[in-house]
N, C-alpha and C. Protein backbone atom coordinates (compact mmCIF):
# COMPACT_ATOMS: atom_id res chain seq x y z
N MET A 1 14.30 -73.83 9.59
CA MET A 1 14.13 -72.49 10.53
C MET A 1 12.68 -72.21 11.10
N ALA A 2 12.25 -72.14 12.41
CA ALA A 2 11.05 -71.86 12.73
C ALA A 2 10.76 -70.42 12.19
N THR A 3 9.23 -70.40 12.28
CA THR A 3 8.78 -68.99 11.57
C THR A 3 8.87 -68.04 12.33
N ASN A 4 9.36 -68.05 13.61
CA ASN A 4 9.62 -66.92 14.26
C ASN A 4 11.11 -66.63 14.75
N ALA A 5 12.11 -67.56 14.03
CA ALA A 5 13.36 -67.48 14.01
C ALA A 5 14.00 -66.56 12.84
N TYR A 6 14.96 -65.74 13.34
CA TYR A 6 15.93 -64.79 12.49
C TYR A 6 17.15 -65.06 12.53
N HIS A 7 17.90 -64.96 11.52
CA HIS A 7 19.39 -65.01 11.55
C HIS A 7 19.69 -63.62 10.43
N PHE A 8 20.14 -62.80 10.87
CA PHE A 8 20.86 -61.58 10.59
C PHE A 8 22.31 -61.55 10.50
N VAL A 9 23.06 -60.97 9.22
CA VAL A 9 24.42 -60.47 9.45
C VAL A 9 24.33 -59.06 8.86
N ASP A 10 24.79 -58.29 9.79
CA ASP A 10 24.79 -57.00 9.06
C ASP A 10 26.33 -56.38 9.16
N ARG A 11 26.76 -56.14 8.11
CA ARG A 11 28.25 -55.21 8.09
C ARG A 11 28.35 -53.79 7.95
N TRP A 12 29.14 -53.14 8.57
CA TRP A 12 29.51 -51.98 8.56
C TRP A 12 30.91 -51.63 8.55
N ARG A 13 31.41 -50.54 7.65
CA ARG A 13 32.72 -49.86 7.62
C ARG A 13 32.50 -48.61 7.79
N VAL A 14 33.38 -48.23 9.11
CA VAL A 14 33.56 -46.89 9.58
C VAL A 14 34.84 -46.69 9.68
N GLU A 15 35.35 -45.17 9.49
CA GLU A 15 36.46 -44.56 9.41
C GLU A 15 37.04 -44.60 10.87
N GLY A 16 38.04 -45.26 11.38
CA GLY A 16 38.49 -45.17 12.54
C GLY A 16 39.31 -46.09 13.05
N ASP A 17 39.56 -45.95 14.34
CA ASP A 17 40.51 -46.85 15.27
C ASP A 17 39.71 -48.04 15.71
N ILE A 18 39.99 -49.52 15.85
CA ILE A 18 39.53 -50.56 16.13
C ILE A 18 39.14 -50.14 17.79
N LYS A 19 39.85 -49.73 18.68
CA LYS A 19 39.59 -49.48 20.04
C LYS A 19 38.60 -48.45 20.24
N GLU A 20 38.51 -47.38 19.43
CA GLU A 20 37.28 -46.45 19.50
C GLU A 20 35.96 -47.27 19.31
N VAL A 21 36.02 -47.66 18.30
CA VAL A 21 34.67 -48.40 17.90
C VAL A 21 34.13 -49.40 19.04
N ALA A 22 35.27 -50.08 19.30
CA ALA A 22 34.90 -51.17 20.51
C ALA A 22 34.32 -50.57 21.73
N ASP A 23 35.27 -49.32 22.10
CA ASP A 23 34.60 -48.16 23.36
C ASP A 23 33.20 -48.08 23.01
N ILE A 24 32.96 -47.84 21.95
CA ILE A 24 31.45 -46.90 21.79
C ILE A 24 30.62 -48.12 21.99
N LEU A 25 30.89 -49.26 21.13
CA LEU A 25 29.63 -50.33 21.25
C LEU A 25 29.67 -51.04 22.39
N GLU A 26 30.75 -51.12 22.93
CA GLU A 26 30.62 -51.76 24.36
C GLU A 26 29.95 -51.26 25.26
N ASP A 27 29.88 -50.01 25.24
CA ASP A 27 29.17 -48.88 26.24
C ASP A 27 27.92 -48.58 26.08
N ALA A 28 27.02 -49.98 26.27
CA ALA A 28 25.68 -50.11 26.40
C ALA A 28 24.73 -48.87 26.97
N LEU A 29 25.38 -48.28 28.25
CA LEU A 29 24.71 -47.44 28.54
C LEU A 29 24.39 -46.03 27.80
N SER A 30 25.26 -45.89 26.89
CA SER A 30 25.46 -44.60 26.15
C SER A 30 24.32 -44.71 24.79
N LEU A 31 23.97 -45.91 24.70
CA LEU A 31 23.13 -46.33 23.37
C LEU A 31 21.90 -45.26 23.34
N PRO A 32 21.49 -44.92 24.06
CA PRO A 32 20.22 -43.74 24.05
C PRO A 32 20.78 -42.33 23.57
N ARG A 33 21.85 -42.07 23.84
CA ARG A 33 22.30 -40.68 23.24
C ARG A 33 22.86 -40.91 21.90
N TRP A 34 23.72 -42.02 21.54
CA TRP A 34 24.35 -41.93 20.29
C TRP A 34 23.44 -42.80 18.95
N TRP A 35 22.69 -43.67 19.71
CA TRP A 35 21.79 -44.29 18.95
C TRP A 35 20.48 -44.44 19.18
N GLY A 36 20.10 -43.19 19.37
CA GLY A 36 18.74 -42.77 20.11
C GLY A 36 17.50 -43.15 19.11
N SER A 37 17.93 -43.52 17.60
CA SER A 37 16.68 -43.83 16.97
C SER A 37 16.19 -45.31 16.93
N THR A 38 16.83 -45.87 17.86
CA THR A 38 16.60 -47.37 18.03
C THR A 38 16.52 -47.68 19.69
N TYR A 39 17.37 -47.23 20.32
CA TYR A 39 17.63 -47.57 21.87
C TYR A 39 16.71 -46.49 22.50
N PHE A 40 15.77 -46.39 23.27
CA PHE A 40 15.13 -45.56 24.10
C PHE A 40 15.71 -45.56 25.49
N ASP A 41 15.81 -46.73 26.18
CA ASP A 41 15.86 -46.88 27.60
C ASP A 41 17.05 -47.99 27.79
N VAL A 42 18.15 -47.52 28.51
CA VAL A 42 18.96 -48.77 28.76
C VAL A 42 19.32 -48.38 30.38
N LYS A 43 19.43 -49.90 30.86
CA LYS A 43 19.83 -49.95 32.43
C LYS A 43 20.94 -51.01 32.64
N GLU A 44 21.71 -50.66 33.35
CA GLU A 44 23.02 -51.93 33.91
C GLU A 44 21.90 -52.69 35.07
N ILE A 45 22.04 -53.77 35.11
CA ILE A 45 21.31 -54.81 36.01
C ILE A 45 22.31 -55.36 36.92
N GLU A 46 23.69 -55.69 36.31
CA GLU A 46 24.64 -56.43 36.80
C GLU A 46 25.96 -55.73 36.23
N PRO A 47 27.14 -55.34 36.65
CA PRO A 47 27.96 -54.68 36.05
C PRO A 47 29.06 -55.58 35.28
N GLY A 48 28.95 -57.18 35.79
CA GLY A 48 30.11 -57.93 35.09
C GLY A 48 31.43 -57.64 35.50
N GLU A 49 32.44 -58.40 35.20
CA GLU A 49 33.84 -58.23 35.44
C GLU A 49 34.45 -57.41 34.46
N GLU A 50 35.61 -57.20 34.62
CA GLU A 50 36.55 -56.55 33.82
C GLU A 50 36.59 -56.75 32.17
N ARG A 51 36.17 -55.71 31.51
CA ARG A 51 35.86 -55.96 29.81
C ARG A 51 34.49 -56.53 29.69
N GLY A 52 33.48 -56.40 30.86
CA GLY A 52 32.09 -56.75 30.65
C GLY A 52 31.43 -58.02 30.73
N THR A 53 32.52 -59.28 30.73
CA THR A 53 31.81 -60.44 30.70
C THR A 53 31.03 -60.16 32.00
N GLY A 54 29.87 -61.04 31.73
CA GLY A 54 28.91 -61.22 32.70
C GLY A 54 28.05 -59.82 33.06
N LYS A 55 28.12 -58.77 32.32
CA LYS A 55 27.56 -57.55 32.31
C LYS A 55 25.94 -57.97 31.88
N LEU A 56 25.01 -57.56 32.57
CA LEU A 56 23.74 -57.98 32.14
C LEU A 56 23.13 -56.32 31.98
N ILE A 57 22.49 -56.11 30.85
CA ILE A 57 21.81 -54.89 30.58
C ILE A 57 20.40 -55.29 29.88
N SER A 58 19.56 -54.10 30.66
CA SER A 58 18.04 -54.41 30.27
C SER A 58 17.90 -52.85 29.44
N LEU A 59 17.16 -53.18 28.13
CA LEU A 59 16.92 -52.20 27.09
C LEU A 59 15.55 -52.15 26.66
N ARG A 60 15.08 -51.08 26.11
CA ARG A 60 13.88 -50.76 25.29
C ARG A 60 14.15 -50.26 23.88
N ALA A 61 13.98 -50.82 23.01
CA ALA A 61 14.30 -50.61 21.67
C ALA A 61 13.22 -50.78 20.58
N GLY A 62 13.29 -49.62 19.58
CA GLY A 62 12.53 -49.85 18.52
C GLY A 62 12.84 -49.60 17.15
N GLY A 63 12.13 -49.50 16.07
CA GLY A 63 12.57 -49.37 15.01
C GLY A 63 11.14 -48.59 14.22
N TRP A 64 11.15 -48.85 12.85
CA TRP A 64 10.11 -47.88 12.20
C TRP A 64 8.41 -48.64 12.30
N LEU A 65 8.54 -49.75 13.11
CA LEU A 65 7.26 -50.24 12.99
C LEU A 65 6.72 -50.02 14.29
N PRO A 66 5.37 -49.87 14.45
CA PRO A 66 4.64 -49.33 15.96
C PRO A 66 4.66 -50.32 17.01
N TYR A 67 5.78 -50.83 17.46
CA TYR A 67 5.83 -51.45 18.74
C TYR A 67 7.61 -51.17 19.21
N THR A 68 7.83 -51.52 20.25
CA THR A 68 8.94 -51.73 20.89
C THR A 68 9.38 -52.73 21.74
N LEU A 69 10.59 -53.28 21.84
CA LEU A 69 11.05 -54.52 22.69
C LEU A 69 11.69 -54.22 23.64
N ARG A 70 11.37 -55.00 24.65
CA ARG A 70 12.16 -55.00 25.94
C ARG A 70 13.26 -56.36 25.81
N ILE A 71 14.42 -56.00 25.96
CA ILE A 71 15.49 -57.22 25.61
C ILE A 71 16.46 -56.95 26.95
N ASN A 72 16.88 -58.14 27.46
CA ASN A 72 18.04 -58.30 28.15
C ASN A 72 19.08 -58.85 27.61
N PHE A 73 20.05 -58.19 27.54
CA PHE A 73 21.75 -58.64 27.07
C PHE A 73 22.68 -58.84 28.13
N ARG A 74 23.17 -60.05 27.98
CA ARG A 74 24.24 -60.43 29.02
C ARG A 74 25.55 -60.73 28.23
N THR A 75 26.34 -60.13 28.54
CA THR A 75 27.88 -60.42 27.81
C THR A 75 28.40 -61.55 28.32
N VAL A 76 28.71 -62.62 27.36
CA VAL A 76 28.83 -63.92 27.69
C VAL A 76 30.48 -64.36 27.31
N GLU A 77 31.21 -63.24 26.32
CA GLU A 77 32.50 -63.20 25.85
C GLU A 77 32.83 -61.97 25.44
N SER A 78 34.32 -61.81 26.11
CA SER A 78 34.76 -60.13 25.48
C SER A 78 36.12 -60.67 24.69
N ASN A 79 36.34 -60.15 23.64
CA ASN A 79 37.71 -60.21 22.94
C ASN A 79 38.21 -58.84 22.43
N TYR A 80 38.04 -58.08 23.68
CA TYR A 80 38.60 -56.54 23.29
C TYR A 80 39.77 -56.65 22.84
N PRO A 81 40.12 -55.69 21.80
CA PRO A 81 39.15 -54.82 21.15
C PRO A 81 38.28 -55.39 19.62
N HIS A 82 38.40 -56.53 19.78
CA HIS A 82 38.16 -57.08 18.69
C HIS A 82 36.82 -58.02 18.49
N GLY A 83 36.04 -57.72 19.57
CA GLY A 83 34.51 -57.82 19.63
C GLY A 83 33.81 -58.45 20.87
N PHE A 84 32.63 -58.86 20.78
CA PHE A 84 32.11 -59.48 22.20
C PHE A 84 30.88 -60.12 21.84
N THR A 85 30.36 -61.09 22.49
CA THR A 85 29.40 -61.80 22.38
C THR A 85 28.16 -61.79 23.45
N MET A 86 26.94 -61.71 23.16
CA MET A 86 25.90 -61.30 23.90
C MET A 86 24.83 -62.43 24.00
N ASP A 87 24.43 -62.70 24.87
CA ASP A 87 23.12 -63.53 24.81
C ASP A 87 21.64 -62.64 25.13
N ALA A 88 20.73 -62.88 24.31
CA ALA A 88 19.58 -62.07 24.61
C ALA A 88 18.58 -62.81 25.19
N SER A 89 17.59 -62.26 26.05
CA SER A 89 16.20 -62.75 26.73
C SER A 89 15.27 -61.61 26.72
N GLY A 90 14.08 -62.14 26.54
CA GLY A 90 13.08 -61.23 26.87
C GLY A 90 12.15 -61.14 25.28
N ASP A 91 11.82 -60.32 24.81
CA ASP A 91 11.19 -60.07 23.52
C ASP A 91 11.77 -60.62 22.47
N LEU A 92 13.15 -60.81 22.51
CA LEU A 92 13.83 -61.61 21.53
C LEU A 92 14.67 -62.35 22.53
N GLU A 93 15.01 -63.66 21.82
CA GLU A 93 15.84 -64.47 22.74
C GLU A 93 16.81 -65.38 21.72
N GLY A 94 18.35 -65.10 22.20
CA GLY A 94 19.28 -65.81 21.08
C GLY A 94 20.68 -65.05 21.40
N ARG A 95 21.55 -64.88 20.51
CA ARG A 95 22.71 -64.71 20.48
C ARG A 95 23.27 -63.55 19.85
N GLY A 96 23.76 -62.75 19.93
CA GLY A 96 24.68 -61.58 19.09
C GLY A 96 26.09 -61.74 19.12
N ILE A 97 26.86 -61.66 18.32
CA ILE A 97 28.16 -61.85 18.29
C ILE A 97 28.52 -60.54 17.08
N TRP A 98 29.52 -59.41 17.79
CA TRP A 98 29.92 -58.46 17.48
C TRP A 98 31.56 -58.63 17.05
N THR A 99 32.15 -58.38 15.72
CA THR A 99 33.19 -58.60 15.56
C THR A 99 33.99 -57.47 14.98
N PHE A 100 34.80 -56.86 15.73
CA PHE A 100 35.62 -55.75 14.99
C PHE A 100 37.08 -56.19 14.20
N GLU A 101 37.39 -55.53 13.21
CA GLU A 101 38.49 -55.90 12.49
C GLU A 101 39.15 -54.29 11.59
N GLN A 102 40.53 -54.26 12.32
CA GLN A 102 41.05 -53.16 11.62
C GLN A 102 41.53 -53.24 9.89
N ASP A 103 41.13 -52.19 9.45
CA ASP A 103 41.64 -52.76 7.97
C ASP A 103 41.87 -51.44 7.28
N GLY A 104 43.36 -51.02 7.73
CA GLY A 104 43.94 -49.95 7.16
C GLY A 104 43.23 -48.40 8.28
N ALA A 105 42.66 -47.41 7.88
CA ALA A 105 42.10 -46.46 8.38
C ALA A 105 40.72 -46.69 8.69
N PHE A 106 40.26 -47.82 8.35
CA PHE A 106 38.89 -48.12 8.57
C PHE A 106 38.57 -49.51 9.48
N VAL A 107 37.42 -49.65 9.99
CA VAL A 107 37.17 -50.71 10.99
C VAL A 107 36.06 -51.29 10.25
N ASN A 108 36.16 -52.77 10.06
CA ASN A 108 35.11 -53.59 9.43
C ASN A 108 34.41 -54.02 10.75
N VAL A 109 33.05 -53.82 11.04
CA VAL A 109 32.31 -54.19 11.91
C VAL A 109 31.20 -55.18 11.44
N THR A 110 31.10 -56.33 12.05
CA THR A 110 30.17 -57.33 11.65
C THR A 110 29.18 -57.69 13.00
N TYR A 111 27.84 -57.78 12.67
CA TYR A 111 27.01 -58.19 13.73
C TYR A 111 26.25 -59.36 13.24
N ASP A 112 26.31 -60.53 13.88
CA ASP A 112 25.74 -61.78 13.56
C ASP A 112 25.03 -61.87 14.71
N TRP A 113 23.56 -61.97 14.37
CA TRP A 113 22.54 -61.93 15.44
C TRP A 113 21.49 -63.18 15.07
N THR A 114 21.31 -64.38 15.82
CA THR A 114 20.60 -65.24 15.60
C THR A 114 19.49 -65.40 16.80
N ILE A 115 18.12 -65.46 16.40
CA ILE A 115 17.41 -64.79 17.54
C ILE A 115 16.18 -65.58 16.95
N ARG A 116 14.96 -65.67 18.37
CA ARG A 116 13.77 -66.29 18.22
C ARG A 116 12.99 -65.13 18.71
N ALA A 117 11.81 -64.60 18.18
CA ALA A 117 11.05 -63.67 18.58
C ALA A 117 9.90 -64.14 19.98
N ASN A 118 10.01 -63.62 20.73
CA ASN A 118 9.21 -64.15 21.80
C ASN A 118 7.91 -63.08 22.00
N LYS A 119 8.02 -61.89 21.33
CA LYS A 119 7.08 -60.75 21.50
C LYS A 119 5.85 -61.27 20.64
N PRO A 120 4.56 -61.37 21.41
CA PRO A 120 3.46 -62.02 21.04
C PRO A 120 2.94 -61.71 19.31
N ILE A 121 3.06 -60.29 18.94
CA ILE A 121 2.96 -59.69 17.68
C ILE A 121 3.97 -60.26 16.62
N ILE A 122 5.13 -60.22 17.10
CA ILE A 122 6.20 -61.04 16.04
C ILE A 122 6.24 -62.15 15.81
N GLU A 123 5.98 -63.04 16.96
CA GLU A 123 5.92 -64.58 17.03
C GLU A 123 4.90 -64.90 16.34
N LYS A 124 3.45 -64.33 16.49
CA LYS A 124 2.56 -64.65 16.00
C LYS A 124 2.21 -64.48 14.43
N LEU A 125 2.95 -63.35 14.01
CA LEU A 125 2.77 -62.97 12.60
C LEU A 125 4.11 -63.47 11.96
N SER A 126 4.98 -63.81 12.28
CA SER A 126 6.34 -64.13 11.44
C SER A 126 5.94 -64.56 10.23
N PHE A 127 5.01 -65.86 10.37
CA PHE A 127 5.10 -66.63 9.20
C PHE A 127 4.37 -65.75 7.91
N LEU A 128 3.84 -64.74 8.26
CA LEU A 128 3.03 -63.70 7.29
C LEU A 128 4.24 -62.44 6.82
N LEU A 129 4.60 -62.11 8.15
CA LEU A 129 5.37 -60.77 7.83
C LEU A 129 6.45 -60.72 8.01
N LYS A 130 7.34 -62.04 8.06
CA LYS A 130 8.74 -61.92 8.41
C LYS A 130 9.49 -60.82 7.27
N PRO A 131 9.09 -60.58 6.11
CA PRO A 131 9.99 -59.39 5.31
C PRO A 131 10.01 -58.22 6.06
N ILE A 132 8.83 -58.02 6.30
CA ILE A 132 8.40 -56.71 6.97
C ILE A 132 9.38 -56.63 8.23
N PHE A 133 9.17 -57.34 9.25
CA PHE A 133 10.03 -57.56 10.44
C PHE A 133 11.69 -57.49 10.14
N ARG A 134 12.16 -58.12 8.79
CA ARG A 134 13.57 -57.89 8.73
C ARG A 134 13.87 -56.54 8.10
N SER A 135 12.79 -56.02 7.32
CA SER A 135 13.30 -54.71 6.84
C SER A 135 13.34 -53.48 8.30
N ASN A 136 12.51 -53.73 8.91
CA ASN A 136 12.54 -53.05 10.54
C ASN A 136 14.09 -53.52 10.99
N HIS A 137 14.54 -54.62 11.07
CA HIS A 137 15.59 -54.71 11.75
C HIS A 137 16.94 -53.95 10.70
N ASN A 138 16.56 -54.14 9.09
CA ASN A 138 17.56 -53.34 8.45
C ASN A 138 17.63 -51.90 8.76
N TRP A 139 16.24 -51.47 9.03
CA TRP A 139 16.14 -49.95 9.33
C TRP A 139 16.87 -49.41 10.47
N THR A 140 16.78 -50.13 11.51
CA THR A 140 17.66 -50.13 12.77
C THR A 140 19.00 -50.13 12.55
N MET A 141 19.50 -51.20 11.73
CA MET A 141 21.06 -51.25 11.64
C MET A 141 21.47 -50.42 10.41
N GLN A 142 20.73 -49.94 9.94
CA GLN A 142 21.39 -48.79 8.79
C GLN A 142 21.36 -47.46 9.97
N ARG A 143 20.35 -47.16 10.65
CA ARG A 143 20.78 -46.08 11.63
C ARG A 143 22.00 -46.33 12.62
N GLY A 144 21.98 -47.51 13.12
CA GLY A 144 23.45 -47.73 13.79
C GLY A 144 24.50 -47.45 13.19
N ALA A 145 24.62 -47.84 11.93
CA ALA A 145 25.72 -47.30 11.11
C ALA A 145 26.15 -46.05 11.07
N GLU A 146 25.06 -45.11 10.63
CA GLU A 146 25.08 -43.60 10.56
C GLU A 146 25.22 -43.09 11.88
N SER A 147 24.86 -43.74 12.88
CA SER A 147 24.92 -43.14 14.25
C SER A 147 26.34 -43.24 14.77
N LEU A 148 26.91 -44.73 14.48
CA LEU A 148 28.29 -44.76 14.96
C LEU A 148 29.33 -43.94 14.17
N LYS A 149 28.97 -43.43 12.99
CA LYS A 149 29.95 -42.50 12.18
C LYS A 149 29.86 -41.33 12.97
N LEU A 150 28.45 -40.81 13.34
CA LEU A 150 28.05 -39.53 13.69
C LEU A 150 29.33 -39.49 15.17
N GLU A 151 28.90 -40.49 15.86
CA GLU A 151 29.48 -40.63 17.21
C GLU A 151 31.11 -40.44 17.17
N LEU A 152 31.56 -41.03 16.34
CA LEU A 152 33.07 -41.14 15.89
C LEU A 152 33.42 -39.49 15.66
N LEU A 153 32.60 -38.83 14.59
CA LEU A 153 32.84 -37.55 14.52
C LEU A 153 32.84 -36.84 15.87
N ARG A 154 31.48 -36.77 16.59
CA ARG A 154 31.63 -35.82 18.01
C ARG A 154 32.50 -36.14 18.99
N ARG A 155 33.17 -37.44 18.89
CA ARG A 155 34.36 -37.35 19.72
C ARG A 155 35.67 -37.01 19.32
N ARG A 156 35.64 -37.00 17.96
CA ARG A 156 36.89 -36.23 17.46
C ARG A 156 36.71 -35.03 17.37
N ALA A 157 35.53 -34.15 17.60
CA ALA A 157 35.34 -32.62 17.72
C ALA A 157 36.22 -31.86 18.48
N LYS A 158 36.96 -30.91 17.80
CA LYS A 158 37.89 -30.34 18.35
C LYS A 158 37.28 -29.10 19.33
N SER A 159 35.98 -28.81 19.51
CA SER A 159 35.24 -28.03 20.37
C SER A 159 34.02 -28.26 20.31
N ASP A 160 33.17 -27.65 21.53
CA ASP A 160 31.71 -27.65 21.92
C ASP A 160 31.05 -27.18 20.66
N ASP A 161 31.35 -26.35 20.03
CA ASP A 161 30.77 -25.65 18.61
C ASP A 161 30.44 -26.64 17.52
N GLU A 162 31.94 -27.31 17.59
CA GLU A 162 31.78 -28.09 16.41
C GLU A 162 31.03 -29.53 16.63
N ARG A 163 31.24 -29.98 18.01
CA ARG A 163 30.32 -31.15 18.06
C ARG A 163 28.81 -30.85 18.33
N ALA A 164 28.60 -29.70 18.69
CA ALA A 164 27.18 -29.23 18.56
C ALA A 164 26.32 -28.95 17.24
N LYS A 165 27.31 -29.01 16.29
CA LYS A 165 26.75 -29.37 14.62
C LYS A 165 26.57 -30.63 14.31
N ILE A 166 26.96 -31.41 15.04
CA ILE A 166 26.60 -32.88 14.66
C ILE A 166 25.26 -33.52 15.30
N SER A 167 24.07 -33.44 14.34
CA SER A 167 22.83 -33.74 14.75
C SER A 167 22.86 -34.93 15.44
N PRO A 168 22.09 -35.19 16.45
CA PRO A 168 21.72 -36.63 16.93
C PRO A 168 20.86 -37.32 16.02
N PRO A 169 20.71 -38.85 16.20
CA PRO A 169 19.86 -39.32 15.19
C PRO A 169 18.30 -39.24 15.84
N GLN A 170 17.49 -39.49 14.85
CA GLN A 170 16.15 -39.02 15.14
C GLN A 170 15.34 -40.60 15.20
N PRO A 171 14.48 -40.73 16.11
CA PRO A 171 13.57 -42.22 15.70
C PRO A 171 12.87 -41.95 14.59
N SER A 172 12.19 -42.92 13.87
CA SER A 172 11.18 -42.97 12.73
C SER A 172 10.21 -41.94 13.16
N PHE A 173 9.64 -41.69 11.96
CA PHE A 173 8.38 -41.05 12.31
C PHE A 173 7.11 -41.99 12.91
N VAL A 174 6.78 -42.86 12.93
CA VAL A 174 5.87 -43.92 13.53
C VAL A 174 6.33 -43.78 15.03
N VAL A 175 7.54 -44.21 15.36
CA VAL A 175 7.77 -44.06 16.52
C VAL A 175 7.71 -42.64 17.52
N ARG A 176 8.10 -41.77 16.65
CA ARG A 176 7.72 -40.30 17.40
C ARG A 176 6.45 -40.05 17.39
N LEU A 177 5.38 -40.32 16.35
CA LEU A 177 4.38 -40.25 16.08
C LEU A 177 3.26 -40.79 17.36
N LEU A 178 3.87 -42.04 17.56
CA LEU A 178 3.01 -42.78 18.73
C LEU A 178 3.36 -42.56 20.05
N GLY A 179 4.72 -41.94 20.04
CA GLY A 179 5.44 -41.77 21.32
C GLY A 179 6.08 -42.56 22.02
N LEU A 180 6.38 -44.01 21.09
CA LEU A 180 7.04 -45.13 21.69
C LEU A 180 8.50 -44.81 22.17
N ASN A 181 8.86 -43.75 22.13
CA ASN A 181 10.24 -43.72 22.41
C ASN A 181 10.70 -42.91 23.67
N ARG A 182 8.93 -42.80 24.27
CA ARG A 182 9.28 -42.26 25.89
C ARG A 182 9.33 -43.11 27.07
């Protein structure tokens, strides 16, 4: 594997229905609202077909390290509500596969992410700092699991007051300090 190549397999388990989880994760434009600790800006470039195949999204994201990533995601396959596949280009290039499986009252979520880093700082320092870049990825995905659980609670809230008590996720201290989420 090239020093700037990465393969991550992340697994979440959330209480819920497979369709509500799929609806949240497939709605890329809402990422800054519910997964705001990682996704700062998302724009739809091309709408795609029914269930999103062909959709092209441009986004800016970051973790606890003091840099942001610009990535374009194109949905290349949809298996609603069981998941979807995206091709990435930009600062990261590769493929992400989201898989959702109902397991009783829970949904098992798997994200299989195979990429190469094109952002110069990551590409050039991967040979030395790969564990730190992996840790940054792990931080963002832990925020994602927490944020998904909070979004499910928000959607199930019975009143605006109940919904308002569920706090939104916050970007890391480094990202807030340097204003990278603006």
